[in-house]
Amino acid sequence: MKFFIDTANLDQIREAQDLGVLDGVTTNPSLMAKEGITGRNNILKHYVDICNIVDGDVSAEVIATDFEGIVKEGEQLADLHEQIVVKVPMIKEGIKAIKYFTDKGIRTNCTLVFSAGQALLAAKAGATYVSPFIGRLDDISTDGLNLIAEIRLIYDNYGFDTEILAASVRHTMHVLECAKIGADVMTGPLSSIEGLLKHPLTDIGLEKFLADYKKGN
């Protein structure tokens, strides 16, 4: 399972990279705004800054919603750095653009996916990643993890190469459940990754080991 961090905060990205388990980064306009990154040139520079920190894929999202606009923005983003994956919304024009990008050898991440049918279309169009938003489904009393399972079944049935990127991951249990179901990638906050480190018995055991060592040394 690949671990991506969902942020535009460079310090958090460096911290996750230093942990040694980071495989990539996902970002979106909301995350950019949260970090005060505004203006087209500043946003593009920030994507390059992220690519210079991590070794893996960096999803960069288009703003346009028409085919020509998505293609224009997507090609500009792809030209920024070889690690860039163009993030395209799950809309009709987006699917057309994903097919275009696929034919051109440009990797894509189909975002804002909330149904198995949407995920099937994205895979048919050749998306590199598909991003079902499990946390947002949970927010409206719908089982986000069940959607991951449905997509996994469909993709396995037909041998699609599209990777399931579990997005809107909120906490560590989301990470574990996605791993059990078979999501290829998870993207979430740094806390959801660092939460995997924690167990009270580890803390108790280490404290005892250190105390016993001090007694004899």
Protein backbone atom coordinates (compact mmCIF):
# COMPACT_ATOMS: atom_id res chain seq x y z
CA MET A 1 0.00 0.00 0.00
CA LYS A 2 1.34 3.42 -0.94
CA PHE A 3 1.19 6.26 1.56
CA PHE A 4 0.48 9.74 0.21
CA ILE A 5 0.09 12.84 2.38
CA ASP A 6 -2.81 15.17 1.60
CA THR A 7 -1.49 18.66 2.22
CA ALA A 8 0.28 21.64 0.72
CA ASN A 9 2.27 22.29 3.90
CA LEU A 10 5.96 21.86 3.06
CA ASP A 11 7.02 21.24 6.67
CA GLN A 12 4.54 18.38 7.03
CA ILE A 13 5.63 16.93 3.70
CA ARG A 14 9.28 17.04 4.81
CA GLU A 15 8.37 15.38 8.12
CA ALA A 16 6.52 12.56 6.31
CA GLN A 17 9.39 12.19 3.85
CA ASP A 18 11.89 11.96 6.71
CA LEU A 19 9.83 9.14 8.22
CA GLY A 20 10.88 7.07 5.21
CA VAL A 21 7.48 5.69 4.21
CA LEU A 22 6.09 8.48 2.02
CA ASP A 23 5.23 7.56 -1.58
CA GLY A 24 3.65 10.80 -2.82
CA VAL A 25 1.55 13.89 -2.21
CA THR A 26 -1.96 15.00 -3.14
CA THR A 27 -3.07 18.61 -3.09
CA ASN A 28 -6.10 20.65 -4.10
CA PRO A 29 -7.14 24.32 -4.29
CA SER A 30 -8.51 24.24 -0.75
CA LEU A 31 -5.22 22.94 0.67
CA MET A 32 -3.27 25.57 -1.29
CA ALA A 33 -5.52 28.33 0.06
CA LYS A 34 -5.08 27.00 3.59
CA GLU A 35 -1.33 27.57 3.26
CA GLY A 36 -1.86 31.04 1.78
CA ILE A 37 -0.66 29.98 -1.66
CA THR A 38 -2.54 32.17 -4.16
CA GLY A 39 -1.95 33.33 -7.71
CA ARG A 40 -1.22 31.03 -10.64
CA ASN A 41 2.56 31.49 -10.63
CA ASN A 42 2.86 30.94 -6.89
CA ILE A 43 0.76 27.79 -7.09
CA LEU A 44 2.84 26.37 -9.93
CA LYS A 45 6.06 27.14 -8.05
CA HIS A 46 4.65 25.43 -4.97
CA TYR A 47 4.00 22.24 -6.94
CA VAL A 48 7.64 22.23 -8.05
CA ASP A 49 8.77 22.84 -4.46
CA ILE A 50 6.77 19.77 -3.38
CA CYS A 51 8.27 17.66 -6.16
CA ASN A 52 11.74 18.66 -4.97
CA ILE A 53 10.99 17.26 -1.51
CA VAL A 54 9.41 13.90 -2.33
CA ASP A 55 10.47 11.05 -4.58
CA GLY A 56 7.01 9.94 -5.71
CA ASP A 57 3.94 11.23 -7.53
CA VAL A 58 2.48 14.66 -6.81
CA SER A 59 -1.14 15.24 -7.81
CA ALA A 60 -1.75 18.76 -9.12
CA GLU A 61 -5.36 19.75 -9.71
CA VAL A 62 -6.83 21.62 -12.67
CA ILE A 63 -9.36 24.40 -12.06
CA ALA A 64 -11.08 24.42 -15.48
CA THR A 65 -14.26 22.41 -16.02
CA ASP A 66 -14.42 22.50 -19.82
CA PHE A 67 -12.49 20.05 -22.02
CA GLU A 68 -10.23 22.61 -23.68
CA GLY A 69 -9.47 24.33 -20.39
CA ILE A 70 -8.71 21.06 -18.58
CA VAL A 71 -6.39 19.96 -21.38
CA LYS A 72 -4.56 23.30 -21.45
CA GLU A 73 -4.09 23.41 -17.67
CA GLY A 74 -3.23 19.73 -17.47
CA GLU A 75 -0.51 19.96 -20.09
CA GLN A 76 0.99 22.96 -18.29
CA LEU A 77 1.00 21.07 -15.01
CA ALA A 78 2.50 17.94 -16.55
CA ASP A 79 5.30 20.04 -18.04
CA LEU A 80 6.27 21.36 -14.61
CA HIS A 81 7.93 18.16 -13.41
CA GLU A 82 8.04 14.48 -14.29
CA GLN A 83 6.49 13.58 -10.93
CA ILE A 84 3.31 15.56 -11.59
CA VAL A 85 0.05 13.64 -11.98
CA VAL A 86 -2.79 15.77 -13.37
CA LYS A 87 -5.80 15.76 -11.05
CA VAL A 88 -9.06 15.94 -13.02
CA PRO A 89 -12.61 16.14 -11.61
CA MET A 90 -15.12 13.37 -12.21
CA ILE A 91 -17.32 15.17 -14.70
CA LYS A 92 -18.19 14.45 -18.33
CA GLU A 93 -15.57 16.85 -19.66
CA GLY A 94 -13.10 15.44 -17.17
CA ILE A 95 -13.53 11.91 -18.47
CA LYS A 96 -12.97 13.15 -22.01
CA ALA A 97 -9.81 14.91 -20.85
CA ILE A 98 -8.55 11.83 -19.00
CA LYS A 99 -8.88 9.82 -22.19
CA TYR A 100 -6.99 12.55 -24.07
CA PHE A 101 -4.23 12.62 -21.44
CA THR A 102 -4.01 8.82 -21.44
CA ASP A 103 -3.48 8.79 -25.21
CA LYS A 104 -0.76 11.44 -24.78
CA GLY A 105 1.02 9.51 -22.04
CA ILE A 106 0.12 12.03 -19.31
CA ARG A 107 -0.76 10.42 -15.98
CA THR A 108 -4.00 11.40 -14.26
CA ASN A 109 -5.82 11.22 -10.95
CA CYS A 110 -9.62 11.27 -11.28
CA THR A 111 -10.85 13.10 -8.19
CA LEU A 112 -14.18 13.67 -6.41
CA VAL A 113 -15.34 10.09 -6.99
CA PHE A 114 -18.31 8.99 -4.89
CA SER A 115 -19.69 5.92 -6.68
CA ALA A 116 -18.50 2.65 -8.21
CA GLY A 117 -19.99 3.73 -11.55
CA GLN A 118 -17.83 6.85 -11.59
CA ALA A 119 -14.76 4.75 -10.76
CA LEU A 120 -15.57 2.37 -13.62
CA LEU A 121 -15.75 5.26 -16.09
CA ALA A 122 -12.44 6.65 -14.85
CA ALA A 123 -10.74 3.30 -15.32
CA LYS A 124 -12.23 2.89 -18.80
CA ALA A 125 -10.79 6.28 -19.73
CA GLY A 126 -7.38 5.15 -18.52
CA ALA A 127 -6.93 7.13 -15.30
CA THR A 128 -3.72 6.33 -13.43
CA TYR A 129 -5.46 6.83 -10.09
CA VAL A 130 -9.07 7.10 -9.02
CA SER A 131 -9.81 8.98 -5.79
CA PRO A 132 -12.96 7.92 -3.89
CA PHE A 133 -13.55 10.33 -1.00
CA ILE A 134 -14.36 8.01 1.88
CA GLY A 135 -14.39 10.62 4.65
CA ARG A 136 -16.90 12.82 2.89
CA LEU A 137 -19.18 9.82 2.38
CA ASP A 138 -18.92 8.99 6.08
CA ASP A 139 -19.95 12.60 6.78
CA ILE A 140 -23.34 11.98 5.16
CA SER A 141 -23.89 8.61 6.88
CA THR A 142 -22.77 6.55 3.90
CA ASP A 143 -20.14 3.80 4.22
CA GLY A 144 -17.08 5.14 2.43
CA LEU A 145 -15.11 1.93 3.01
CA ASN A 146 -17.80 -0.08 1.23
CA LEU A 147 -17.18 2.02 -1.87
CA ILE A 148 -13.49 1.03 -1.78
CA ALA A 149 -14.54 -2.63 -1.62
CA GLU A 150 -16.93 -2.23 -4.57
CA ILE A 151 -14.28 -0.56 -6.72
CA ARG A 152 -11.70 -3.21 -5.76
CA LEU A 153 -14.08 -5.96 -6.88
CA ILE A 154 -14.86 -4.29 -10.21
CA TYR A 155 -11.23 -3.51 -11.01
CA ASP A 156 -10.16 -7.06 -10.13
CA ASN A 157 -12.96 -8.50 -12.28
CA TYR A 158 -11.64 -6.79 -15.39
CA GLY A 159 -7.96 -6.31 -14.67
CA PHE A 160 -7.96 -2.51 -14.76
CA ASP A 161 -4.56 -0.95 -14.12
CA THR A 162 -6.07 2.14 -12.45
CA GLU A 163 -4.95 2.36 -8.82
CA ILE A 164 -7.52 2.95 -6.08
CA LEU A 165 -6.41 6.00 -4.10
CA ALA A 166 -8.47 6.19 -0.92
CA ALA A 167 -8.91 9.93 -0.40
CA SER A 168 -10.41 12.06 2.36
CA VAL A 169 -8.85 9.68 4.88
CA ARG A 170 -9.48 11.16 8.30
CA HIS A 171 -7.75 8.91 10.82
CA THR A 172 -5.60 5.84 11.39
CA MET A 173 -8.48 3.33 11.35
CA HIS A 174 -9.37 4.52 7.86
CA VAL A 175 -5.80 3.65 6.83
CA LEU A 176 -5.97 0.16 8.33
CA GLU A 177 -9.40 -0.65 6.91
CA CYS A 178 -8.37 0.54 3.44
CA ALA A 179 -5.30 -1.70 3.67
CA LYS A 180 -7.49 -4.69 4.58
CA ILE A 181 -9.87 -4.03 1.68
CA GLY A 182 -7.03 -3.64 -0.80
CA ALA A 183 -6.78 0.05 -1.66
CA ASP A 184 -3.59 0.62 -3.63
CA VAL A 185 -2.95 4.02 -2.08
CA MET A 186 -4.21 6.08 0.82
CA THR A 187 -3.89 9.83 1.16
CA GLY A 188 -4.52 11.61 4.40
CA PRO A 189 -3.10 13.99 6.99
CA LEU A 190 0.25 13.36 8.64
CA SER A 191 -1.60 12.38 11.83
CA SER A 192 -3.24 9.41 10.10
CA ILE A 193 0.19 8.02 9.21
CA GLU A 194 1.88 8.79 12.53
CA GLY A 195 -1.06 7.21 14.35
CA LEU A 196 0.13 3.83 13.08
CA LEU A 197 3.20 4.20 15.31
CA LYS A 198 1.22 4.34 18.51
CA HIS A 199 0.33 1.54 20.92
CA PRO A 200 0.20 1.80 24.72
CA LEU A 201 1.92 -1.57 25.17
CA THR A 202 4.86 -0.31 23.11
CA ASP A 203 5.17 2.70 25.43
CA ILE A 204 4.84 0.54 28.56
CA GLY A 205 7.33 -2.03 27.27
CA LEU A 206 9.92 0.57 26.30
CA GLU A 207 9.56 2.33 29.64
CA LYS A 208 10.18 -0.98 31.45
CA PHE A 209 13.16 -1.89 29.28
CA LEU A 210 14.77 1.48 29.95
CA ALA A 211 14.01 1.31 33.68
CA ASP A 212 15.53 -2.18 33.92
CA TYR A 213 18.61 -1.01 32.04
CA LYS A 214 19.13 1.89 34.43
CA LYS A 215 18.98 -0.45 37.41
CA GLY A 216 22.01 -2.36 36.25
CA ASN A 217 24.01 0.43 34.68
